Amino acid sequence: MTRIDQWTWAVRLYKTRSLAAAAVKAGHVRVNGERAKPATKVSVGDEVRVRAEGYEKVFEVVQLLSKRVGAPIAQQAYVDNSPPPPPKDEFFGAFGSRDRGAGRPTKRDRREMERLRGQG
């Protein structure tokens, strides 16, 4: 059995072990549907859900790793059962951003962007 913070770091879901532990403490990681603590033990066959980048990723543990390994070996340690990410809103992307090099937005531009984003 391996700790959840070690396993998520070892299979390269997080860049550092401290980031993995912080994500677990913040409640972004669930093991078999239950909120995990950094010392929660993971075994083969467990379902790990990681909330990142605005949606949830679902992994099934196939192999236990306690040390960080190369990416090809790390990908063999889990099965990715994640649903596809939600599509980006084309309307929002067209009006919610500025062209590169357009300079700093004016107050009017800022208010229009906030209105389009639904913040104002």
PDB file of N, CA and C in Angstrom:
ATOM      1  N   MET A   1       0.849  -1.177   0.000  1.00  0.00           N
ATOM      2  CA  MET A   1       0.000   0.000   0.000  1.00  0.00           C
ATOM      3  C   MET A   1       0.894   1.239   0.000  1.00  0.00           C
ATOM      4  N   THR A   2       0.408   2.260  -0.682  1.00  0.00           N
ATOM      5  CA  THR A   2       1.157   3.500  -0.852  1.00  0.00           C
ATOM      6  C   THR A   2       0.274   4.680  -0.472  1.00  0.00           C
ATOM      7  N   ARG A   3       0.879   5.729   0.032  1.00  0.00           N
ATOM      8  CA  ARG A   3       0.138   6.952   0.365  1.00  0.00           C
ATOM      9  C   ARG A   3      -0.358   7.623  -0.909  1.00  0.00           C
ATOM     10  N   ILE A   4      -1.524   8.262  -0.838  1.00  0.00           N
ATOM     11  CA  ILE A   4      -2.115   8.897  -2.019  1.00  0.00           C
ATOM     12  C   ILE A   4      -1.265  10.063  -2.516  1.00  0.00           C
ATOM     13  N   ASP A   5      -0.657  10.825  -1.606  1.00  0.00           N
ATOM     14  CA  ASP A   5       0.172  11.938  -2.071  1.00  0.00           C
ATOM     15  C   ASP A   5       1.420  11.431  -2.782  1.00  0.00           C
ATOM     16  N   GLN A   6       1.995  10.331  -2.301  1.00  0.00           N
ATOM     17  CA  GLN A   6       3.153   9.743  -2.978  1.00  0.00           C
ATOM     18  C   GLN A   6       2.768   9.199  -4.346  1.00  0.00           C
ATOM     19  N   TRP A   7       1.638   8.496  -4.416  1.00  0.00           N
ATOM     20  CA  TRP A   7       1.238   7.874  -5.674  1.00  0.00           C
ATOM     21  C   TRP A   7       0.916   8.919  -6.739  1.00  0.00           C
ATOM     22  N   THR A   8       0.161   9.972  -6.390  1.00  0.00           N
ATOM     23  CA  THR A   8      -0.179  10.998  -7.380  1.00  0.00           C
ATOM     24  C   THR A   8       1.065  11.719  -7.879  1.00  0.00           C
ATOM     25  N   TRP A   9       2.057  11.885  -7.010  1.00  0.00           N
ATOM     26  CA  TRP A   9       3.321  12.491  -7.422  1.00  0.00           C
ATOM     27  C   TRP A   9       4.125  11.525  -8.280  1.00  0.00           C
ATOM     28  N   ALA A  10       4.157  10.241  -7.883  1.00  0.00           N
ATOM     29  CA  ALA A  10       4.965   9.245  -8.585  1.00  0.00           C
ATOM     30  C   ALA A  10       4.462   9.005 -10.006  1.00  0.00           C
ATOM     31  N   VAL A  11       3.149   9.067 -10.223  1.00  0.00           N
ATOM     32  CA  VAL A  11       2.607   8.843 -11.576  1.00  0.00           C
ATOM     33  C   VAL A  11       2.468  10.153 -12.350  1.00  0.00           C
ATOM     34  N   ARG A  12       3.072  11.197 -11.823  1.00  0.00           N
ATOM     35  CA  ARG A  12       3.193  12.484 -12.505  1.00  0.00           C
ATOM     36  C   ARG A  12       1.875  13.231 -12.704  1.00  0.00           C
ATOM     37  N   LEU A  13       0.953  13.088 -11.751  1.00  0.00           N
ATOM     38  CA  LEU A  13      -0.251  13.912 -11.786  1.00  0.00           C
ATOM     39  C   LEU A  13       0.043  15.298 -11.222  1.00  0.00           C
ATOM     40  N   TYR A  14       1.063  15.384 -10.358  1.00  0.00           N
ATOM     41  CA  TYR A  14       1.518  16.652  -9.802  1.00  0.00           C
ATOM     42  C   TYR A  14       3.024  16.746  -9.964  1.00  0.00           C
ATOM     43  N   LYS A  15       3.519  17.962 -10.114  1.00  0.00           N
ATOM     44  CA  LYS A  15       4.932  18.172 -10.391  1.00  0.00           C
ATOM     45  C   LYS A  15       5.820  17.899  -9.174  1.00  0.00           C
ATOM     46  N   THR A  16       5.355  18.260  -7.988  1.00  0.00           N
ATOM     47  CA  THR A  16       6.139  18.021  -6.776  1.00  0.00           C
ATOM     48  C   THR A  16       5.263  17.301  -5.746  1.00  0.00           C
ATOM     49  N   ARG A  17       5.915  16.672  -4.790  1.00  0.00           N
ATOM     50  CA  ARG A  17       5.165  15.962  -3.769  1.00  0.00           C
ATOM     51  C   ARG A  17       4.436  16.943  -2.858  1.00  0.00           C
ATOM     52  N   SER A  18       5.020  18.094  -2.631  1.00  0.00           N
ATOM     53  CA  SER A  18       4.338  19.089  -1.792  1.00  0.00           C
ATOM     54  C   SER A  18       3.076  19.609  -2.477  1.00  0.00           C
ATOM     55  N   LEU A  19       3.098  19.763  -3.804  1.00  0.00           N
ATOM     56  CA  LEU A  19       1.885  20.158  -4.532  1.00  0.00           C
ATOM     57  C   LEU A  19       0.826  19.063  -4.446  1.00  0.00           C
ATOM     58  N   ALA A  20       1.259  17.810  -4.524  1.00  0.00           N
ATOM     59  CA  ALA A  20       0.322  16.692  -4.412  1.00  0.00           C
ATOM     60  C   ALA A  20      -0.321  16.674  -3.026  1.00  0.00           C
ATOM     61  N   ALA A  21       0.482  16.853  -1.986  1.00  0.00           N
ATOM     62  CA  ALA A  21      -0.051  16.856  -0.620  1.00  0.00           C
ATOM     63  C   ALA A  21      -0.990  18.036  -0.406  1.00  0.00           C
ATOM     64  N   ALA A  22      -0.648  19.190  -0.962  1.00  0.00           N
ATOM     65  CA  ALA A  22      -1.514  20.369  -0.822  1.00  0.00           C
ATOM     66  C   ALA A  22      -2.851  20.160  -1.523  1.00  0.00           C
ATOM     67  N   ALA A  23      -2.830  19.532  -2.694  1.00  0.00           N
ATOM     68  CA  ALA A  23      -4.077  19.265  -3.419  1.00  0.00           C
ATOM     69  C   ALA A  23      -4.953  18.279  -2.653  1.00  0.00           C
ATOM     70  N   VAL A  24      -4.334  17.283  -2.045  1.00  0.00           N
ATOM     71  CA  VAL A  24      -5.092  16.310  -1.259  1.00  0.00           C
ATOM     72  C   VAL A  24      -5.700  16.986  -0.039  1.00  0.00           C
ATOM     73  N   LYS A  25      -4.915  17.815   0.646  1.00  0.00           N
ATOM     74  CA  LYS A  25      -5.417  18.539   1.823  1.00  0.00           C
ATOM     75  C   LYS A  25      -6.567  19.463   1.460  1.00  0.00           C
ATOM     76  N   ALA A  26      -6.507  20.060   0.256  1.00  0.00           N
ATOM     77  CA  ALA A  26      -7.541  21.000  -0.175  1.00  0.00           C
ATOM     78  C   ALA A  26      -8.823  20.297  -0.614  1.00  0.00           C
ATOM     79  N   GLY A  27      -8.793  18.971  -0.685  1.00  0.00           N
ATOM     80  CA  GLY A  27     -10.000  18.236  -1.054  1.00  0.00           C
ATOM     81  C   GLY A  27     -10.157  18.018  -2.544  1.00  0.00           C
ATOM     82  N   HIS A  28      -9.092  18.177  -3.310  1.00  0.00           N
ATOM     83  CA  HIS A  28      -9.162  18.002  -4.757  1.00  0.00           C
ATOM     84  C   HIS A  28      -8.972  16.554  -5.181  1.00  0.00           C
ATOM     85  N   VAL A  29      -8.683  15.661  -4.243  1.00  0.00           N
ATOM     86  CA  VAL A  29      -8.435  14.258  -4.558  1.00  0.00           C
ATOM     87  C   VAL A  29      -9.380  13.397  -3.729  1.00  0.00           C
ATOM     88  N   ARG A  30     -10.036  12.432  -4.392  1.00  0.00           N
ATOM     89  CA  ARG A  30     -10.918  11.483  -3.719  1.00  0.00           C
ATOM     90  C   ARG A  30     -10.472  10.070  -4.063  1.00  0.00           C
ATOM     91  N   VAL A  31     -10.536   9.190  -3.079  1.00  0.00           N
ATOM     92  CA  VAL A  31     -10.197   7.782  -3.277  1.00  0.00           C
ATOM     93  C   VAL A  31     -11.459   6.969  -3.002  1.00  0.00           C
ATOM     94  N   ASN A  32     -11.922   6.249  -4.010  1.00  0.00           N
ATOM     95  CA  ASN A  32     -13.154   5.449  -3.919  1.00  0.00           C
ATOM     96  C   ASN A  32     -14.339   6.283  -3.432  1.00  0.00           C
ATOM     97  N   GLY A  33     -14.434   7.514  -3.898  1.00  0.00           N
ATOM     98  CA  GLY A  33     -15.556   8.384  -3.573  1.00  0.00           C
ATOM     99  C   GLY A  33     -15.428   9.131  -2.266  1.00  0.00           C
ATOM    100  N   GLU A  34     -14.431   8.822  -1.451  1.00  0.00           N
ATOM    101  CA  GLU A  34     -14.246   9.479  -0.163  1.00  0.00           C
ATOM    102  C   GLU A  34     -13.132  10.514  -0.256  1.00  0.00           C
ATOM    103  N   ARG A  35     -13.321  11.640   0.431  1.00  0.00           N
ATOM    104  CA  ARG A  35     -12.281  12.660   0.474  1.00  0.00           C
ATOM    105  C   ARG A  35     -11.054  12.083   1.172  1.00  0.00           C
ATOM    106  N   ALA A  36      -9.885  12.303   0.591  1.00  0.00           N
ATOM    107  CA  ALA A  36      -8.660  11.676   1.095  1.00  0.00           C
ATOM    108  C   ALA A  36      -7.827  12.655   1.904  1.00  0.00           C
ATOM    109  N   LYS A  37      -7.022  12.101   2.797  1.00  0.00           N
ATOM    110  CA  LYS A  37      -5.974  12.831   3.492  1.00  0.00           C
ATOM    111  C   LYS A  37      -4.655  12.422   2.845  1.00  0.00           C
ATOM    112  N   PRO A  38      -3.584  13.194   3.016  1.00  0.00           N
ATOM    113  CA  PRO A  38      -2.319  12.828   2.369  1.00  0.00           C
ATOM    114  C   PRO A  38      -1.825  11.433   2.728  1.00  0.00           C
ATOM    115  N   ALA A  39      -2.128  10.938   3.916  1.00  0.00           N
ATOM    116  CA  ALA A  39      -1.650   9.623   4.336  1.00  0.00           C
ATOM    117  C   ALA A  39      -2.608   8.493   3.981  1.00  0.00           C
ATOM    118  N   THR A  40      -3.694   8.789   3.267  1.00  0.00           N
ATOM    119  CA  THR A  40      -4.638   7.752   2.867  1.00  0.00           C
ATOM    120  C   THR A  40      -3.926   6.713   2.010  1.00  0.00           C
ATOM    121  N   LYS A  41      -4.143   5.443   2.335  1.00  0.00           N
ATOM    122  CA  LYS A  41      -3.488   4.358   1.609  1.00  0.00           C
ATOM    123  C   LYS A  41      -4.256   4.036   0.329  1.00  0.00           C
ATOM    124  N   VAL A  42      -3.502   3.758  -0.724  1.00  0.00           N
ATOM    125  CA  VAL A  42      -4.062   3.402  -2.024  1.00  0.00           C
ATOM    126  C   VAL A  42      -3.613   1.987  -2.343  1.00  0.00           C
ATOM    127  N   SER A  43      -4.516   1.187  -2.889  1.00  0.00           N
ATOM    128  CA  SER A  43      -4.150  -0.165  -3.303  1.00  0.00           C
ATOM    129  C   SER A  43      -4.607  -0.389  -4.733  1.00  0.00           C
ATOM    130  N   VAL A  44      -4.152  -1.461  -5.335  1.00  0.00           N
ATOM    131  CA  VAL A  44      -4.481  -1.776  -6.724  1.00  0.00           C
ATOM    132  C   VAL A  44      -5.994  -1.967  -6.844  1.00  0.00           C
ATOM    133  N   GLY A  45      -6.587  -1.346  -7.852  1.00  0.00           N
ATOM    134  CA  GLY A  45      -8.019  -1.439  -8.084  1.00  0.00           C
ATOM    135  C   GLY A  45      -8.801  -0.259  -7.548  1.00  0.00           C
ATOM    136  N   ASP A  46      -8.186   0.610  -6.774  1.00  0.00           N
ATOM    137  CA  ASP A  46      -8.871   1.787  -6.239  1.00  0.00           C
ATOM    138  C   ASP A  46      -9.140   2.802  -7.347  1.00  0.00           C
ATOM    139  N   GLU A  47     -10.217   3.580  -7.149  1.00  0.00           N
ATOM    140  CA  GLU A  47     -10.547   4.660  -8.077  1.00  0.00           C
ATOM    141  C   GLU A  47     -10.102   5.984  -7.450  1.00  0.00           C
ATOM    142  N   VAL A  48      -9.309   6.749  -8.196  1.00  0.00           N
ATOM    143  CA  VAL A  48      -8.802   8.036  -7.720  1.00  0.00           C
ATOM    144  C   VAL A  48      -9.379   9.116  -8.616  1.00  0.00           C
ATOM    145  N   ARG A  49     -10.038  10.090  -8.006  1.00  0.00           N
ATOM    146  CA  ARG A  49     -10.601  11.221  -8.752  1.00  0.00           C
ATOM    147  C   ARG A  49      -9.821  12.476  -8.379  1.00  0.00           C
ATOM    148  N   VAL A  50      -9.320  13.171  -9.401  1.00  0.00           N
ATOM    149  CA  VAL A  50      -8.515  14.372  -9.203  1.00  0.00           C
ATOM    150  C   VAL A  50      -9.211  15.523  -9.917  1.00  0.00           C
ATOM    151  N   ARG A  51      -9.511  16.588  -9.184  1.00  0.00           N
ATOM    152  CA  ARG A  51     -10.139  17.761  -9.776  1.00  0.00           C
ATOM    153  C   ARG A  51      -9.033  18.737 -10.169  1.00  0.00           C
ATOM    154  N   ALA A  52      -8.933  19.005 -11.478  1.00  0.00           N
ATOM    155  CA  ALA A  52      -7.896  19.901 -11.978  1.00  0.00           C
ATOM    156  C   ALA A  52      -8.374  20.553 -13.265  1.00  0.00           C
ATOM    157  N   GLU A  53      -7.948  21.774 -13.479  1.00  0.00           N
ATOM    158  CA  GLU A  53      -8.228  22.509 -14.708  1.00  0.00           C
ATOM    159  C   GLU A  53      -9.730  22.642 -14.979  1.00  0.00           C
ATOM    160  N   GLY A  54     -10.520  22.726 -13.936  1.00  0.00           N
ATOM    161  CA  GLY A  54     -11.941  22.978 -14.104  1.00  0.00           C
ATOM    162  C   GLY A  54     -12.801  21.743 -14.304  1.00  0.00           C
ATOM    163  N   TYR A  55     -12.231  20.568 -14.405  1.00  0.00           N
ATOM    164  CA  TYR A  55     -13.035  19.353 -14.505  1.00  0.00           C
ATOM    165  C   TYR A  55     -12.342  18.224 -13.765  1.00  0.00           C
ATOM    166  N   GLU A  56     -13.042  17.095 -13.647  1.00  0.00           N
ATOM    167  CA  GLU A  56     -12.546  15.989 -12.842  1.00  0.00           C
ATOM    168  C   GLU A  56     -11.947  14.896 -13.725  1.00  0.00           C
ATOM    169  N   LYS A  57     -10.800  14.372 -13.297  1.00  0.00           N
ATOM    170  CA  LYS A  57     -10.151  13.268 -13.985  1.00  0.00           C
ATOM    171  C   LYS A  57     -10.305  12.021 -13.118  1.00  0.00           C
ATOM    172  N   VAL A  58     -10.585  10.891 -13.754  1.00  0.00           N
ATOM    173  CA  VAL A  58     -10.825   9.645 -13.037  1.00  0.00           C
ATOM    174  C   VAL A  58      -9.756   8.632 -13.439  1.00  0.00           C
ATOM    175  N   PHE A  59      -9.082   8.052 -12.440  1.00  0.00           N
ATOM    176  CA  PHE A  59      -8.020   7.081 -12.687  1.00  0.00           C
ATOM    177  C   PHE A  59      -8.289   5.818 -11.887  1.00  0.00           C
ATOM    178  N   GLU A  60      -7.918   4.669 -12.463  1.00  0.00           N
ATOM    179  CA  GLU A  60      -7.957   3.403 -11.749  1.00  0.00           C
ATOM    180  C   GLU A  60      -6.516   2.977 -11.495  1.00  0.00           C
ATOM    181  N   VAL A  61      -6.197   2.653 -10.256  1.00  0.00           N
ATOM    182  CA  VAL A  61      -4.839   2.272  -9.879  1.00  0.00           C
ATOM    183  C   VAL A  61      -4.569   0.854 -10.386  1.00  0.00           C
ATOM    184  N   VAL A  62      -3.520   0.705 -11.199  1.00  0.00           N
ATOM    185  CA  VAL A  62      -3.127  -0.592 -11.732  1.00  0.00           C
ATOM    186  C   VAL A  62      -1.846  -1.072 -11.062  1.00  0.00           C
ATOM    187  N   GLN A  63      -0.972  -0.127 -10.709  1.00  0.00           N
ATOM    188  CA  GLN A  63       0.316  -0.468 -10.122  1.00  0.00           C
ATOM    189  C   GLN A  63       0.638   0.552  -9.040  1.00  0.00           C
ATOM    190  N   LEU A  64       1.223   0.097  -7.951  1.00  0.00           N
ATOM    191  CA  LEU A  64       1.608   0.997  -6.861  1.00  0.00           C
ATOM    192  C   LEU A  64       3.036   1.461  -7.067  1.00  0.00           C
ATOM    193  N   LEU A  65       3.225   2.770  -6.995  1.00  0.00           N
ATOM    194  CA  LEU A  65       4.554   3.364  -7.117  1.00  0.00           C
ATOM    195  C   LEU A  65       4.759   4.287  -5.925  1.00  0.00           C
ATOM    196  N   SER A  66       5.926   4.213  -5.315  1.00  0.00           N
ATOM    197  CA  SER A  66       6.223   5.139  -4.222  1.00  0.00           C
ATOM    198  C   SER A  66       7.355   6.080  -4.598  1.00  0.00           C
ATOM    199  N   LYS A  67       8.061   5.775  -5.671  1.00  0.00           N
ATOM    200  CA  LYS A  67       9.139   6.633  -6.180  1.00  0.00           C
ATOM    201  C   LYS A  67       8.735   7.160  -7.550  1.00  0.00           C
ATOM    202  N   ARG A  68       9.154   8.365  -7.862  1.00  0.00           N
ATOM    203  CA  ARG A  68       8.834   8.973  -9.154  1.00  0.00           C
ATOM    204  C   ARG A  68       9.601   8.241 -10.251  1.00  0.00           C
ATOM    205  N   VAL A  69       8.885   7.940 -11.329  1.00  0.00           N
ATOM    206  CA  VAL A  69       9.475   7.200 -12.444  1.00  0.00           C
ATOM    207  C   VAL A  69       9.262   7.981 -13.734  1.00  0.00           C
ATOM    208  N   GLY A  70       9.827   7.485 -14.810  1.00  0.00           N
ATOM    209  CA  GLY A  70       9.667   8.135 -16.104  1.00  0.00           C
ATOM    210  C   GLY A  70       8.225   8.101 -16.577  1.00  0.00           C
ATOM    211  N   ALA A  71       7.895   8.984 -17.500  1.00  0.00           N
ATOM    212  CA  ALA A  71       6.523   9.122 -17.971  1.00  0.00           C
ATOM    213  C   ALA A  71       5.961   7.842 -18.589  1.00  0.00           C
ATOM    214  N   PRO A  72       6.706   7.106 -19.435  1.00  0.00           N
ATOM    215  CA  PRO A  72       6.123   5.883 -20.006  1.00  0.00           C
ATOM    216  C   PRO A  72       5.767   4.837 -18.941  1.00  0.00           C
ATOM    217  N   ILE A  73       6.589   4.700 -17.921  1.00  0.00           N
ATOM    218  CA  ILE A  73       6.309   3.748 -16.848  1.00  0.00           C
ATOM    219  C   ILE A  73       5.161   4.258 -15.982  1.00  0.00           C
ATOM    220  N   ALA A  74       5.121   5.564 -15.753  1.00  0.00           N
ATOM    221  CA  ALA A  74       4.059   6.151 -14.934  1.00  0.00           C
ATOM    222  C   ALA A  74       2.699   5.954 -15.585  1.00  0.00           C
ATOM    223  N   GLN A  75       2.608   6.046 -16.902  1.00  0.00           N
ATOM    224  CA  GLN A  75       1.327   5.877 -17.589  1.00  0.00           C
ATOM    225  C   GLN A  75       0.822   4.442 -17.505  1.00  0.00           C
ATOM    226  N   GLN A  76       1.713   3.494 -17.271  1.00  0.00           N
ATOM    227  CA  GLN A  76       1.296   2.103 -17.130  1.00  0.00           C
ATOM    228  C   GLN A  76       0.770   1.807 -15.730  1.00  0.00           C
ATOM    229  N   ALA A  77       0.935   2.724 -14.799  1.00  0.00           N
ATOM    230  CA  ALA A  77       0.527   2.508 -13.414  1.00  0.00           C
ATOM    231  C   ALA A  77      -0.941   2.834 -13.182  1.00  0.00           C
ATOM    232  N   TYR A  78      -1.634   3.385 -14.175  1.00  0.00           N
ATOM    233  CA  TYR A  78      -3.048   3.719 -14.013  1.00  0.00           C
ATOM    234  C   TYR A  78      -3.781   3.591 -15.336  1.00  0.00           C
ATOM    235  N   VAL A  79      -5.110   3.496 -15.233  1.00  0.00           N
ATOM    236  CA  VAL A  79      -5.988   3.514 -16.401  1.00  0.00           C
ATOM    237  C   VAL A  79      -6.797   4.793 -16.301  1.00  0.00           C
ATOM    238  N   ASP A  80      -6.750   5.607 -17.340  1.00  0.00           N
ATOM    239  CA  ASP A  80      -7.461   6.890 -17.345  1.00  0.00           C
ATOM    240  C   ASP A  80      -8.891   6.665 -17.816  1.00  0.00           C
ATOM    241  N   ASN A  81      -9.861   6.792 -16.901  1.00  0.00           N
ATOM    242  CA  ASN A  81     -11.285   6.636 -17.216  1.00  0.00           C
ATOM    243  C   ASN A  81     -11.997   7.980 -17.237  1.00  0.00           C
ATOM    244  N   SER A  82     -11.262   9.045 -17.482  1.00  0.00           N
ATOM    245  CA  SER A  82     -11.825  10.388 -17.432  1.00  0.00           C
ATOM    246  C   SER A  82     -12.767  10.631 -18.603  1.00  0.00           C
ATOM    247  N   PRO A  83     -13.877  11.327 -18.344  1.00  0.00           N
ATOM    248  CA  PRO A  83     -14.717  11.749 -19.462  1.00  0.00           C
ATOM    249  C   PRO A  83     -13.988  12.831 -20.253  1.00  0.00           C
ATOM    250  N   PRO A  84     -14.345  13.033 -21.513  1.00  0.00           N
ATOM    251  CA  PRO A  84     -13.665  14.078 -22.284  1.00  0.00           C
ATOM    252  C   PRO A  84     -13.904  15.452 -21.661  1.00  0.00           C
ATOM    253  N   PRO A  85     -12.940  16.356 -21.772  1.00  0.00           N
ATOM    254  CA  PRO A  85     -13.118  17.691 -21.173  1.00  0.00           C
ATOM    255  C   PRO A  85     -14.260  18.430 -21.849  1.00  0.00           C
ATOM    256  N   PRO A  86     -14.920  19.315 -21.111  1.00  0.00           N
ATOM    257  CA  PRO A  86     -16.023  20.069 -21.709  1.00  0.00           C
ATOM    258  C   PRO A  86     -15.507  20.968 -22.825  1.00  0.00           C
ATOM    259  N   PRO A  87     -16.315  21.170 -23.871  1.00  0.00           N
ATOM    260  CA  PRO A  87     -15.858  22.012 -24.981  1.00  0.00           C
ATOM    261  C   PRO A  87     -15.720  23.466 -24.548  1.00  0.00           C
ATOM    262  N   LYS A  88     -14.758  24.133 -25.130  1.00  0.00           N
ATOM    263  CA  LYS A  88     -14.566  25.558 -24.855  1.00  0.00           C
ATOM    264  C   LYS A  88     -15.689  26.327 -25.547  1.00  0.00           C
ATOM    265  N   ASP A  89     -16.150  27.355 -24.890  1.00  0.00           N
ATOM    266  CA  ASP A  89     -17.222  28.173 -25.449  1.00  0.00           C
ATOM    267  C   ASP A  89     -16.625  29.098 -26.498  1.00  0.00           C
ATOM    268  N   GLU A  90     -16.985  28.878 -27.741  1.00  0.00           N
ATOM    269  CA  GLU A  90     -16.424  29.663 -28.846  1.00  0.00           C
ATOM    270  C   GLU A  90     -16.828  31.138 -28.740  1.00  0.00           C
ATOM    271  N   PHE A  91     -18.061  31.396 -28.324  1.00  0.00           N
ATOM    272  CA  PHE A  91     -18.516  32.775 -28.219  1.00  0.00           C
ATOM    273  C   PHE A  91     -17.698  33.531 -27.186  1.00  0.00           C
ATOM    274  N   PHE A  92     -17.450  32.900 -26.063  1.00  0.00           N
ATOM    275  CA  PHE A  92     -16.681  33.539 -25.000  1.00  0.00           C
ATOM    276  C   PHE A  92     -15.255  33.802 -25.454  1.00  0.00           C
ATOM    277  N   GLY A  93     -14.652  32.856 -26.149  1.00  0.00           N
ATOM    278  CA  GLY A  93     -13.274  33.010 -26.594  1.00  0.00           C
ATOM    279  C   GLY A  93     -13.115  34.137 -27.596  1.00  0.00           C
ATOM    280  N   ALA A  94     -14.117  34.348 -28.440  1.00  0.00           N
ATOM    281  CA  ALA A  94     -14.009  35.367 -29.474  1.00  0.00           C
ATOM    282  C   ALA A  94     -14.079  36.777 -28.890  1.00  0.00           C
ATOM    283  N   PHE A  95     -14.877  36.967 -27.843  1.00  0.00           N
ATOM    284  CA  PHE A  95     -15.076  38.315 -27.326  1.00  0.00           C
ATOM    285  C   PHE A  95     -14.434  38.552 -25.964  1.00  0.00           C
ATOM    286  N   GLY A  96     -13.994  37.492 -25.293  1.00  0.00           N
ATOM    287  CA  GLY A  96     -13.481  37.649 -23.946  1.00  0.00           C
ATOM    288  C   GLY A  96     -11.984  37.859 -23.872  1.00  0.00           C
ATOM    289  N   SER A  97     -11.304  37.956 -25.008  1.00  0.00           N
ATOM    290  CA  SER A  97      -9.860  38.126 -24.976  1.00  0.00           C
ATOM    291  C   SER A  97      -9.448  39.236 -25.939  1.00  0.00           C
ATOM    292  N   ARG A  98      -8.235  39.694 -25.757  1.00  0.00           N
ATOM    293  CA  ARG A  98      -7.723  40.766 -26.602  1.00  0.00           C
ATOM    294  C   ARG A  98      -6.604  40.236 -27.478  1.00  0.00           C
ATOM    295  N   ASP A  99      -6.388  40.897 -28.597  1.00  0.00           N
ATOM    296  CA  ASP A  99      -5.298  40.527 -29.484  1.00  0.00           C
ATOM    297  C   ASP A  99      -3.971  40.841 -28.819  1.00  0.00           C
ATOM    298  N   ARG A 100      -2.984  40.018 -29.119  1.00  0.00           N
ATOM    299  CA  ARG A 100      -1.656  40.230 -28.571  1.00  0.00           C
ATOM    300  C   ARG A 100      -1.088  41.537 -29.136  1.00  0.00           C
ATOM    301  N   GLY A 101      -0.542  42.338 -28.267  1.00  0.00           N
ATOM    302  CA  GLY A 101       0.042  43.602 -28.684  1.00  0.00           C
ATOM    303  C   GLY A 101      -0.960  44.734 -28.792  1.00  0.00           C
ATOM    304  N   ALA A 102      -2.205  44.500 -28.376  1.00  0.00           N
ATOM    305  CA  ALA A 102      -3.235  45.533 -28.475  1.00  0.00           C
ATOM    306  C   ALA A 102      -3.107  46.572 -27.368  1.00  0.00           C
ATOM    307  N   GLY A 103      -2.225  46.327 -26.430  1.00  0.00           N
ATOM    308  CA  GLY A 103      -2.035  47.288 -25.353  1.00  0.00           C
ATOM    309  C   GLY A 103      -2.985  47.044 -24.203  1.00  0.00           C
ATOM    310  N   ARG A 104      -2.888  47.915 -23.243  1.00  0.00           N
ATOM    311  CA  ARG A 104      -3.707  47.790 -22.048  1.00  0.00           C
ATOM    312  C   ARG A 104      -5.153  48.171 -22.368  1.00  0.00           C
ATOM    313  N   PRO A 105      -6.130  47.403 -21.833  1.00  0.00           N
ATOM    314  CA  PRO A 105      -7.525  47.739 -22.139  1.00  0.00           C
ATOM    315  C   PRO A 105      -7.947  49.038 -21.460  1.00  0.00           C
ATOM    316  N   THR A 106      -8.794  49.773 -22.134  1.00  0.00           N
ATOM    317  CA  THR A 106      -9.347  50.989 -21.543  1.00  0.00           C
ATOM    318  C   THR A 106     -10.432  50.586 -20.550  1.00  0.00           C
ATOM    319  N   LYS A 107     -10.933  51.563 -19.819  1.00  0.00           N
ATOM    320  CA  LYS A 107     -11.985  51.282 -18.859  1.00  0.00           C
ATOM    321  C   LYS A 107     -13.223  50.753 -19.578  1.00  0.00           C
ATOM    322  N   ARG A 108     -13.505  51.311 -20.748  1.00  0.00           N
ATOM    323  CA  ARG A 108     -14.654  50.858 -21.535  1.00  0.00           C
ATOM    324  C   ARG A 108     -14.462  49.417 -21.991  1.00  0.00           C
ATOM    325  N   ASP A 109     -13.254  49.080 -22.460  1.00  0.00           N
ATOM    326  CA  ASP A 109     -12.955  47.712 -22.883  1.00  0.00           C
ATOM    327  C   ASP A 109     -13.108  46.738 -21.714  1.00  0.00           C
ATOM    328  N   ARG A 110     -12.585  47.128 -20.561  1.00  0.00           N
ATOM    329  CA  ARG A 110     -12.660  46.270 -19.389  1.00  0.00           C
ATOM    330  C   ARG A 110     -14.107  46.006 -19.002  1.00  0.00           C
ATOM    331  N   ARG A 111     -14.938  47.044 -19.017  1.00  0.00           N
ATOM    332  CA  ARG A 111     -16.352  46.875 -18.668  1.00  0.00           C
ATOM    333  C   ARG A 111     -17.063  45.972 -19.665  1.00  0.00           C
ATOM    334  N   GLU A 112     -16.726  46.077 -20.953  1.00  0.00           N
ATOM    335  CA  GLU A 112     -17.332  45.202 -21.960  1.00  0.00           C
ATOM    336  C   GLU A 112     -16.920  43.744 -21.741  1.00  0.00           C
ATOM    337  N   MET A 113     -15.642  43.527 -21.418  1.00  0.00           N
ATOM    338  CA  MET A 113     -15.182  42.156 -21.158  1.00  0.00           C
ATOM    339  C   MET A 113     -15.869  41.575 -19.929  1.00  0.00           C
ATOM    340  N   GLU A 114     -16.021  42.363 -18.872  1.00  0.00           N
ATOM    341  CA  GLU A 114     -16.696  41.884 -17.672  1.00  0.00           C
ATOM    342  C   GLU A 114     -18.165  41.582 -17.956  1.00  0.00           C
ATOM    343  N   ARG A 115     -18.811  42.424 -18.770  1.00  0.00           N
ATOM    344  CA  ARG A 115     -20.200  42.197 -19.108  1.00  0.00           C
ATOM    345  C   ARG A 115     -20.359  40.887 -19.881  1.00  0.00           C
ATOM    346  N   LEU A 116     -19.462  40.626 -20.838  1.00  0.00           N
ATOM    347  CA  LEU A 116     -19.508  39.393 -21.605  1.00  0.00           C
ATOM    348  C   LEU A 116     -19.233  38.163 -20.754  1.00  0.00           C
ATOM    349  N   ARG A 117     -18.384  38.297 -19.760  1.00  0.00           N
ATOM    350  CA  ARG A 117     -18.070  37.178 -18.866  1.00  0.00           C
ATOM    351  C   ARG A 117     -19.149  36.967 -17.825  1.00  0.00           C
ATOM    352  N   GLY A 118     -20.087  37.905 -17.721  1.00  0.00           N
ATOM    353  CA  GLY A 118     -21.156  37.782 -16.747  1.00  0.00           C
ATOM    354  C   GLY A 118     -20.795  38.274 -15.372  1.00  0.00           C
ATOM    355  N   GLN A 119     -19.763  39.093 -15.271  1.00  0.00           N
ATOM    356  CA  GLN A 119     -19.315  39.578 -13.985  1.00  0.00           C
ATOM    357  C   GLN A 119     -19.844  40.971 -13.664  1.00  0.00           C
ATOM    358  N   GLY A 120     -20.426  41.613 -14.617  1.00  0.00           N
ATOM    359  CA  GLY A 120     -20.826  42.982 -14.345  1.00  0.00           C
ATOM    360  C   GLY A 120     -22.175  43.364 -14.778  1.00  0.00           C
TER     361      GLY A 120
END
